[in-house]
Amino acid sequence: MAILLSELYGKEIITNEGKRIGMVEDAILDFEKGAVANLLLIKAENLTRSENTAMMLAKNSVKYERVKNIAETIIVRSK
C-alpha cells in the first residue's frame, strides 16, 4: 500500500514500547531507491544551518526502515 509523503507530516512517532519520539517535520528522500530514507523531527532547513549537521541528523531523525506501521501515528521499532 502506497502512502503520500504529505500524509506523514505532523504525525507523531512512537516506539513499539510506547515511547514518544516526536512529530514528523520533514523527510529525507533517497532518489536512487525512490524511497524515504529518514523522517526528521525538525525542519530540514534547520538541519542544514547547524554547525554539526551529522550530529543533528543522528539526534533528530528516525530511519524509515524502523517503521512498522503508519496510521494515526507512526509506530517504529525500538533501537
PDB file of N, CA and C in Angstrom:
ATOM      1  N   MET A   1       0.830  -1.177   0.000  1.00  0.00           N
ATOM      2  CA  MET A   1       0.000   0.000   0.000  1.00  0.00           C
ATOM      3  C   MET A   1       0.877   1.244   0.000  1.00  0.00           C
ATOM      4  N   ALA A   2       0.606   2.150  -0.899  1.00  0.00           N
ATOM      5  CA  ALA A   2       1.373   3.388  -1.009  1.00  0.00           C
ATOM      6  C   ALA A   2       0.784   4.453  -0.085  1.00  0.00           C
ATOM      7  N   ILE A   3       1.647   5.339   0.351  1.00  0.00           N
ATOM      8  CA  ILE A   3       1.217   6.468   1.174  1.00  0.00           C
ATOM      9  C   ILE A   3       1.874   7.718   0.599  1.00  0.00           C
ATOM     10  N   LEU A   4       1.142   8.803   0.574  1.00  0.00           N
ATOM     11  CA  LEU A   4       1.693  10.061   0.099  1.00  0.00           C
ATOM     12  C   LEU A   4       2.639  10.631   1.144  1.00  0.00           C
ATOM     13  N   LEU A   5       3.725  11.212   0.690  1.00  0.00           N
ATOM     14  CA  LEU A   5       4.693  11.818   1.597  1.00  0.00           C
ATOM     15  C   LEU A   5       4.021  12.888   2.456  1.00  0.00           C
ATOM     16  N   SER A   6       3.124  13.638   1.874  1.00  0.00           N
ATOM     17  CA  SER A   6       2.430  14.702   2.611  1.00  0.00           C
ATOM     18  C   SER A   6       1.606  14.163   3.781  1.00  0.00           C
ATOM     19  N   GLU A   7       1.212  12.895   3.730  1.00  0.00           N
ATOM     20  CA  GLU A   7       0.436  12.293   4.818  1.00  0.00           C
ATOM     21  C   GLU A   7       1.289  11.996   6.050  1.00  0.00           C
ATOM     22  N   LEU A   8       2.609  11.997   5.901  1.00  0.00           N
ATOM     23  CA  LEU A   8       3.498  11.722   7.031  1.00  0.00           C
ATOM     24  C   LEU A   8       3.699  12.942   7.920  1.00  0.00           C
ATOM     25  N   TYR A   9       3.654  14.125   7.315  1.00  0.00           N
ATOM     26  CA  TYR A   9       3.934  15.355   8.052  1.00  0.00           C
ATOM     27  C   TYR A   9       2.931  15.560   9.186  1.00  0.00           C
ATOM     28  N   GLY A  10       3.464  15.886  10.363  1.00  0.00           N
ATOM     29  CA  GLY A  10       2.625  16.149  11.524  1.00  0.00           C
ATOM     30  C   GLY A  10       2.231  14.919  12.319  1.00  0.00           C
ATOM     31  N   LYS A  11       2.542  13.730  11.809  1.00  0.00           N
ATOM     32  CA  LYS A  11       2.196  12.510  12.557  1.00  0.00           C
ATOM     33  C   LYS A  11       3.196  12.302  13.699  1.00  0.00           C
ATOM     34  N   GLU A  12       2.679  11.808  14.803  1.00  0.00           N
ATOM     35  CA  GLU A  12       3.528  11.510  15.952  1.00  0.00           C
ATOM     36  C   GLU A  12       4.225  10.173  15.739  1.00  0.00           C
ATOM     37  N   ILE A  13       5.497  10.110  16.130  1.00  0.00           N
ATOM     38  CA  ILE A  13       6.276   8.875  16.044  1.00  0.00           C
ATOM     39  C   ILE A  13       6.396   8.292  17.447  1.00  0.00           C
ATOM     40  N   ILE A  14       6.016   7.015  17.574  1.00  0.00           N
ATOM     41  CA  ILE A  14       6.037   6.313  18.858  1.00  0.00           C
ATOM     42  C   ILE A  14       6.732   4.972  18.656  1.00  0.00           C
ATOM     43  N   THR A  15       7.551   4.560  19.635  1.00  0.00           N
ATOM     44  CA  THR A  15       8.178   3.239  19.535  1.00  0.00           C
ATOM     45  C   THR A  15       7.151   2.164  19.852  1.00  0.00           C
ATOM     46  N   ASN A  16       7.464   0.937  19.484  1.00  0.00           N
ATOM     47  CA  ASN A  16       6.558  -0.169  19.784  1.00  0.00           C
ATOM     48  C   ASN A  16       6.451  -0.422  21.284  1.00  0.00           C
ATOM     49  N   GLU A  17       7.303   0.229  22.075  1.00  0.00           N
ATOM     50  CA  GLU A  17       7.233   0.133  23.539  1.00  0.00           C
ATOM     51  C   GLU A  17       6.452   1.301  24.157  1.00  0.00           C
ATOM     52  N   GLY A  18       5.944   2.207  23.302  1.00  0.00           N
ATOM     53  CA  GLY A  18       5.124   3.310  23.778  1.00  0.00           C
ATOM     54  C   GLY A  18       5.863   4.614  24.052  1.00  0.00           C
ATOM     55  N   LYS A  19       7.163   4.677  23.766  1.00  0.00           N
ATOM     56  CA  LYS A  19       7.933   5.903  23.994  1.00  0.00           C
ATOM     57  C   LYS A  19       7.675   6.885  22.854  1.00  0.00           C
ATOM     58  N   ARG A  20       7.305   8.112  23.213  1.00  0.00           N
ATOM     59  CA  ARG A  20       7.056   9.152  22.217  1.00  0.00           C
ATOM     60  C   ARG A  20       8.392   9.742  21.775  1.00  0.00           C
ATOM     61  N   ILE A  21       8.600   9.765  20.470  1.00  0.00           N
ATOM     62  CA  ILE A  21       9.855  10.273  19.921  1.00  0.00           C
ATOM     63  C   ILE A  21       9.703  11.714  19.454  1.00  0.00           C
ATOM     64  N   GLY A  22       8.613  12.037  18.776  1.00  0.00           N
ATOM     65  CA  GLY A  22       8.393  13.382  18.274  1.00  0.00           C
ATOM     66  C   GLY A  22       7.430  13.374  17.102  1.00  0.00           C
ATOM     67  N   MET A  23       7.348  14.507  16.430  1.00  0.00           N
ATOM     68  CA  MET A  23       6.452  14.666  15.289  1.00  0.00           C
ATOM     69  C   MET A  23       7.275  14.757  14.009  1.00  0.00           C
ATOM     70  N   VAL A  24       6.720  14.251  12.921  1.00  0.00           N
ATOM     71  CA  VAL A  24       7.389  14.335  11.625  1.00  0.00           C
ATOM     72  C   VAL A  24       7.291  15.777  11.133  1.00  0.00           C
ATOM     73  N   GLU A  25       8.437  16.417  10.974  1.00  0.00           N
ATOM     74  CA  GLU A  25       8.510  17.790  10.470  1.00  0.00           C
ATOM     75  C   GLU A  25       8.963  17.824   9.015  1.00  0.00           C
ATOM     76  N   ASP A  26       9.753  16.815   8.615  1.00  0.00           N
ATOM     77  CA  ASP A  26      10.296  16.784   7.264  1.00  0.00           C
ATOM     78  C   ASP A  26      10.776  15.367   6.979  1.00  0.00           C
ATOM     79  N   ALA A  27      11.288  15.146   5.785  1.00  0.00           N
ATOM     80  CA  ALA A  27      11.770  13.822   5.409  1.00  0.00           C
ATOM     81  C   ALA A  27      12.982  13.962   4.499  1.00  0.00           C
ATOM     82  N   ILE A  28      13.831  12.943   4.527  1.00  0.00           N
ATOM     83  CA  ILE A  28      14.959  12.858   3.605  1.00  0.00           C
ATOM     84  C   ILE A  28      14.638  11.728   2.647  1.00  0.00           C
ATOM     85  N   LEU A  29      14.738  12.018   1.361  1.00  0.00           N
ATOM     86  CA  LEU A  29      14.404  11.035   0.334  1.00  0.00           C
ATOM     87  C   LEU A  29      15.667  10.460  -0.283  1.00  0.00           C
ATOM     88  N   ASP A  30      15.619   9.182  -0.631  1.00  0.00           N
ATOM     89  CA  ASP A  30      16.677   8.516  -1.386  1.00  0.00           C
ATOM     90  C   ASP A  30      16.153   8.396  -2.810  1.00  0.00           C
ATOM     91  N   PHE A  31      16.588   9.300  -3.667  1.00  0.00           N
ATOM     92  CA  PHE A  31      16.069   9.334  -5.029  1.00  0.00           C
ATOM     93  C   PHE A  31      16.532   8.149  -5.860  1.00  0.00           C
ATOM     94  N   GLU A  32      17.691   7.573  -5.540  1.00  0.00           N
ATOM     95  CA  GLU A  32      18.164   6.397  -6.275  1.00  0.00           C
ATOM     96  C   GLU A  32      17.264   5.196  -6.028  1.00  0.00           C
ATOM     97  N   LYS A  33      16.798   5.043  -4.798  1.00  0.00           N
ATOM     98  CA  LYS A  33      15.914   3.923  -4.452  1.00  0.00           C
ATOM     99  C   LYS A  33      14.445   4.285  -4.631  1.00  0.00           C
ATOM    100  N   GLY A  34      14.164   5.561  -4.721  1.00  0.00           N
ATOM    101  CA  GLY A  34      12.772   6.007  -4.831  1.00  0.00           C
ATOM    102  C   GLY A  34      12.010   5.764  -3.550  1.00  0.00           C
ATOM    103  N   ALA A  35      12.661   6.051  -2.411  1.00  0.00           N
ATOM    104  CA  ALA A  35      12.051   5.758  -1.113  1.00  0.00           C
ATOM    105  C   ALA A  35      12.427   6.823  -0.086  1.00  0.00           C
ATOM    106  N   VAL A  36      11.686   6.834   1.011  1.00  0.00           N
ATOM    107  CA  VAL A  36      12.007   7.702   2.141  1.00  0.00           C
ATOM    108  C   VAL A  36      13.179   7.067   2.886  1.00  0.00           C
ATOM    109  N   ALA A  37      14.188   7.855   3.215  1.00  0.00           N
ATOM    110  CA  ALA A  37      15.346   7.359   3.956  1.00  0.00           C
ATOM    111  C   ALA A  37      15.201   7.636   5.453  1.00  0.00           C
ATOM    112  N   ASN A  38      14.820   8.863   5.796  1.00  0.00           N
ATOM    113  CA  ASN A  38      14.709   9.263   7.193  1.00  0.00           C
ATOM    114  C   ASN A  38      13.491  10.154   7.391  1.00  0.00           C
ATOM    115  N   LEU A  39      12.907  10.075   8.567  1.00  0.00           N
ATOM    116  CA  LEU A  39      11.875  11.013   8.999  1.00  0.00           C
ATOM    117  C   LEU A  39      12.557  11.990   9.945  1.00  0.00           C
ATOM    118  N   LEU A  40      12.385  13.276   9.704  1.00  0.00           N
ATOM    119  CA  LEU A  40      13.043  14.286  10.525  1.00  0.00           C
ATOM    120  C   LEU A  40      12.101  14.843  11.574  1.00  0.00           C
ATOM    121  N   LEU A  41      12.648  15.084  12.755  1.00  0.00           N
ATOM    122  CA  LEU A  41      11.889  15.662  13.855  1.00  0.00           C
ATOM    123  C   LEU A  41      12.010  17.177  13.873  1.00  0.00           C
ATOM    124  N   ILE A  42      12.834  17.722  12.964  1.00  0.00           N
ATOM    125  CA  ILE A  42      12.998  19.154  12.794  1.00  0.00           C
ATOM    126  C   ILE A  42      12.918  19.459  11.297  1.00  0.00           C
ATOM    127  N   LYS A  43      12.729  20.697  10.947  1.00  0.00           N
ATOM    128  CA  LYS A  43      12.703  21.103   9.538  1.00  0.00           C
ATOM    129  C   LYS A  43      14.092  20.906   8.933  1.00  0.00           C
ATOM    130  N   ALA A  44      14.144  20.463   7.688  1.00  0.00           N
ATOM    131  CA  ALA A  44      15.412  20.225   7.004  1.00  0.00           C
ATOM    132  C   ALA A  44      16.252  21.488   6.942  1.00  0.00           C
ATOM    133  N   GLU A  45      15.633  22.642   6.792  1.00  0.00           N
ATOM    134  CA  GLU A  45      16.390  23.893   6.725  1.00  0.00           C
ATOM    135  C   GLU A  45      17.135  24.165   8.023  1.00  0.00           C
ATOM    136  N   ASN A  46      16.569  23.760   9.167  1.00  0.00           N
ATOM    137  CA  ASN A  46      17.262  23.911  10.452  1.00  0.00           C
ATOM    138  C   ASN A  46      18.436  22.951  10.551  1.00  0.00           C
ATOM    139  N   LEU A  47      18.294  21.802   9.954  1.00  0.00           N
ATOM    140  CA  LEU A  47      19.356  20.799   9.959  1.00  0.00           C
ATOM    141  C   LEU A  47      20.557  21.282   9.155  1.00  0.00           C
ATOM    142  N   THR A  48      20.314  21.833   7.994  1.00  0.00           N
ATOM    143  CA  THR A  48      21.409  22.262   7.132  1.00  0.00           C
ATOM    144  C   THR A  48      22.081  23.531   7.619  1.00  0.00           C
ATOM    145  N   ARG A  49      21.428  24.266   8.485  1.00  0.00           N
ATOM    146  CA  ARG A  49      22.005  25.503   9.028  1.00  0.00           C
ATOM    147  C   ARG A  49      22.844  25.261  10.281  1.00  0.00           C
ATOM    148  N   SER A  50      22.819  24.060  10.826  1.00  0.00           N
ATOM    149  CA  SER A  50      23.571  23.797  12.052  1.00  0.00           C
ATOM    150  C   SER A  50      25.051  23.602  11.732  1.00  0.00           C
ATOM    151  N   GLU A  51      25.878  23.802  12.742  1.00  0.00           N
ATOM    152  CA  GLU A  51      27.324  23.663  12.561  1.00  0.00           C
ATOM    153  C   GLU A  51      27.733  22.201  12.446  1.00  0.00           C
ATOM    154  N   ASN A  52      27.047  21.325  13.140  1.00  0.00           N
ATOM    155  CA  ASN A  52      27.397  19.908  13.127  1.00  0.00           C
ATOM    156  C   ASN A  52      26.206  19.119  12.572  1.00  0.00           C
ATOM    157  N   THR A  53      26.079  19.122  11.264  1.00  0.00           N
ATOM    158  CA  THR A  53      24.926  18.526  10.594  1.00  0.00           C
ATOM    159  C   THR A  53      24.792  17.035  10.890  1.00  0.00           C
ATOM    160  N   ALA A  54      25.900  16.301  10.896  1.00  0.00           N
ATOM    161  CA  ALA A  54      25.841  14.852  11.136  1.00  0.00           C
ATOM    162  C   ALA A  54      25.278  14.539  12.520  1.00  0.00           C
ATOM    163  N   MET A  55      25.716  15.281  13.528  1.00  0.00           N
ATOM    164  CA  MET A  55      25.223  15.053  14.889  1.00  0.00           C
ATOM    165  C   MET A  55      23.747  15.427  14.993  1.00  0.00           C
ATOM    166  N   MET A  56      23.368  16.541  14.375  1.00  0.00           N
ATOM    167  CA  MET A  56      21.966  16.963  14.397  1.00  0.00           C
ATOM    168  C   MET A  56      21.075  15.952  13.675  1.00  0.00           C
ATOM    169  N   LEU A  57      21.569  15.395  12.573  1.00  0.00           N
ATOM    170  CA  LEU A  57      20.801  14.389  11.834  1.00  0.00           C
ATOM    171  C   LEU A  57      20.580  13.149  12.699  1.00  0.00           C
ATOM    172  N   ALA A  58      21.622  12.676  13.350  1.00  0.00           N
ATOM    173  CA  ALA A  58      21.507  11.482  14.201  1.00  0.00           C
ATOM    174  C   ALA A  58      20.548  11.724  15.366  1.00  0.00           C
ATOM    175  N   LYS A  59      20.586  12.907  15.923  1.00  0.00           N
ATOM    176  CA  LYS A  59      19.770  13.237  17.100  1.00  0.00           C
ATOM    177  C   LYS A  59      18.307  13.497  16.752  1.00  0.00           C
ATOM    178  N   ASN A  60      18.056  13.991  15.530  1.00  0.00           N
ATOM    179  CA  ASN A  60      16.720  14.461  15.171  1.00  0.00           C
ATOM    180  C   ASN A  60      16.097  13.735  13.993  1.00  0.00           C
ATOM    181  N   SER A  61      16.438  12.472  13.813  1.00  0.00           N
ATOM    182  CA  SER A  61      15.839  11.712  12.716  1.00  0.00           C
ATOM    183  C   SER A  61      15.603  10.263  13.118  1.00  0.00           C
ATOM    184  N   VAL A  62      14.717   9.636  12.378  1.00  0.00           N
ATOM    185  CA  VAL A  62      14.410   8.221  12.561  1.00  0.00           C
ATOM    186  C   VAL A  62      14.544   7.561  11.191  1.00  0.00           C
ATOM    187  N   LYS A  63      15.349   6.525  11.104  1.00  0.00           N
ATOM    188  CA  LYS A  63      15.494   5.816   9.835  1.00  0.00           C
ATOM    189  C   LYS A  63      14.150   5.187   9.466  1.00  0.00           C
ATOM    190  N   TYR A  64      13.763   5.368   8.221  1.00  0.00           N
ATOM    191  CA  TYR A  64      12.460   4.882   7.777  1.00  0.00           C
ATOM    192  C   TYR A  64      12.370   3.357   7.833  1.00  0.00           C
ATOM    193  N   GLU A  65      13.490   2.672   7.756  1.00  0.00           N
ATOM    194  CA  GLU A  65      13.485   1.205   7.823  1.00  0.00           C
ATOM    195  C   GLU A  65      12.972   0.705   9.176  1.00  0.00           C
ATOM    196  N   ARG A  66      12.952   1.561  10.199  1.00  0.00           N
ATOM    197  CA  ARG A  66      12.427   1.182  11.516  1.00  0.00           C
ATOM    198  C   ARG A  66      10.898   1.213  11.579  1.00  0.00           C
ATOM    199  N   VAL A  67      10.241   1.835  10.592  1.00  0.00           N
ATOM    200  CA  VAL A  67       8.779   1.988  10.611  1.00  0.00           C
ATOM    201  C   VAL A  67       8.102   0.630  10.493  1.00  0.00           C
ATOM    202  N   LYS A  68       7.190   0.366  11.435  1.00  0.00           N
ATOM    203  CA  LYS A  68       6.410  -0.873  11.430  1.00  0.00           C
ATOM    204  C   LYS A  68       4.991  -0.634  10.923  1.00  0.00           C
ATOM    205  N   ASN A  69       4.416   0.533  11.274  1.00  0.00           N
ATOM    206  CA  ASN A  69       3.025   0.789  10.939  1.00  0.00           C
ATOM    207  C   ASN A  69       2.787   2.299  10.835  1.00  0.00           C
ATOM    208  N   ILE A  70       1.948   2.681   9.884  1.00  0.00           N
ATOM    209  CA  ILE A  70       1.548   4.079   9.745  1.00  0.00           C
ATOM    210  C   ILE A  70       0.027   4.125   9.750  1.00  0.00           C
ATOM    211  N   ALA A  71      -0.504   4.833  10.731  1.00  0.00           N
ATOM    212  CA  ALA A  71      -1.962   5.045  10.827  1.00  0.00           C
ATOM    213  C   ALA A  71      -2.132   6.473  11.360  1.00  0.00           C
ATOM    214  N   GLU A  72      -2.834   6.644  12.449  1.00  0.00           N
ATOM    215  CA  GLU A  72      -2.947   7.962  13.084  1.00  0.00           C
ATOM    216  C   GLU A  72      -1.591   8.396  13.631  1.00  0.00           C
ATOM    217  N   THR A  73      -0.775   7.432  14.048  1.00  0.00           N
ATOM    218  CA  THR A  73       0.594   7.660  14.496  1.00  0.00           C
ATOM    219  C   THR A  73       1.506   6.748  13.674  1.00  0.00           C
ATOM    220  N   ILE A  74       2.793   6.975  13.816  1.00  0.00           N
ATOM    221  CA  ILE A  74       3.791   6.118  13.160  1.00  0.00           C
ATOM    222  C   ILE A  74       4.458   5.293  14.237  1.00  0.00           C
ATOM    223  N   ILE A  75       4.360   3.989  14.127  1.00  0.00           N
ATOM    224  CA  ILE A  75       4.978   3.085  15.102  1.00  0.00           C
ATOM    225  C   ILE A  75       6.307   2.600  14.520  1.00  0.00           C
ATOM    226  N   VAL A  76       7.372   2.740  15.332  1.00  0.00           N
ATOM    227  CA  VAL A  76       8.700   2.301  14.878  1.00  0.00           C
ATOM    228  C   VAL A  76       9.275   1.286  15.876  1.00  0.00           C
ATOM    229  N   ARG A  77      10.169   0.454  15.376  1.00  0.00           N
ATOM    230  CA  ARG A  77      10.878  -0.489  16.237  1.00  0.00           C
ATOM    231  C   ARG A  77      11.828   0.301  17.147  1.00  0.00           C
ATOM    232  N   SER A  78      11.987  -0.158  18.365  1.00  0.00           N
ATOM    233  CA  SER A  78      12.968   0.452  19.261  1.00  0.00           C
ATOM    234  C   SER A  78      14.355   0.169  18.729  1.00  0.00           C
ATOM    235  N   LYS A  79      15.301   1.002  19.086  1.00  0.00           N
ATOM    236  CA  LYS A  79      16.680   0.809  18.620  1.00  0.00           C
ATOM    237  C   LYS A  79      17.267  -0.462  19.144  1.00  0.00           C
TER     238      LYS A  79
END
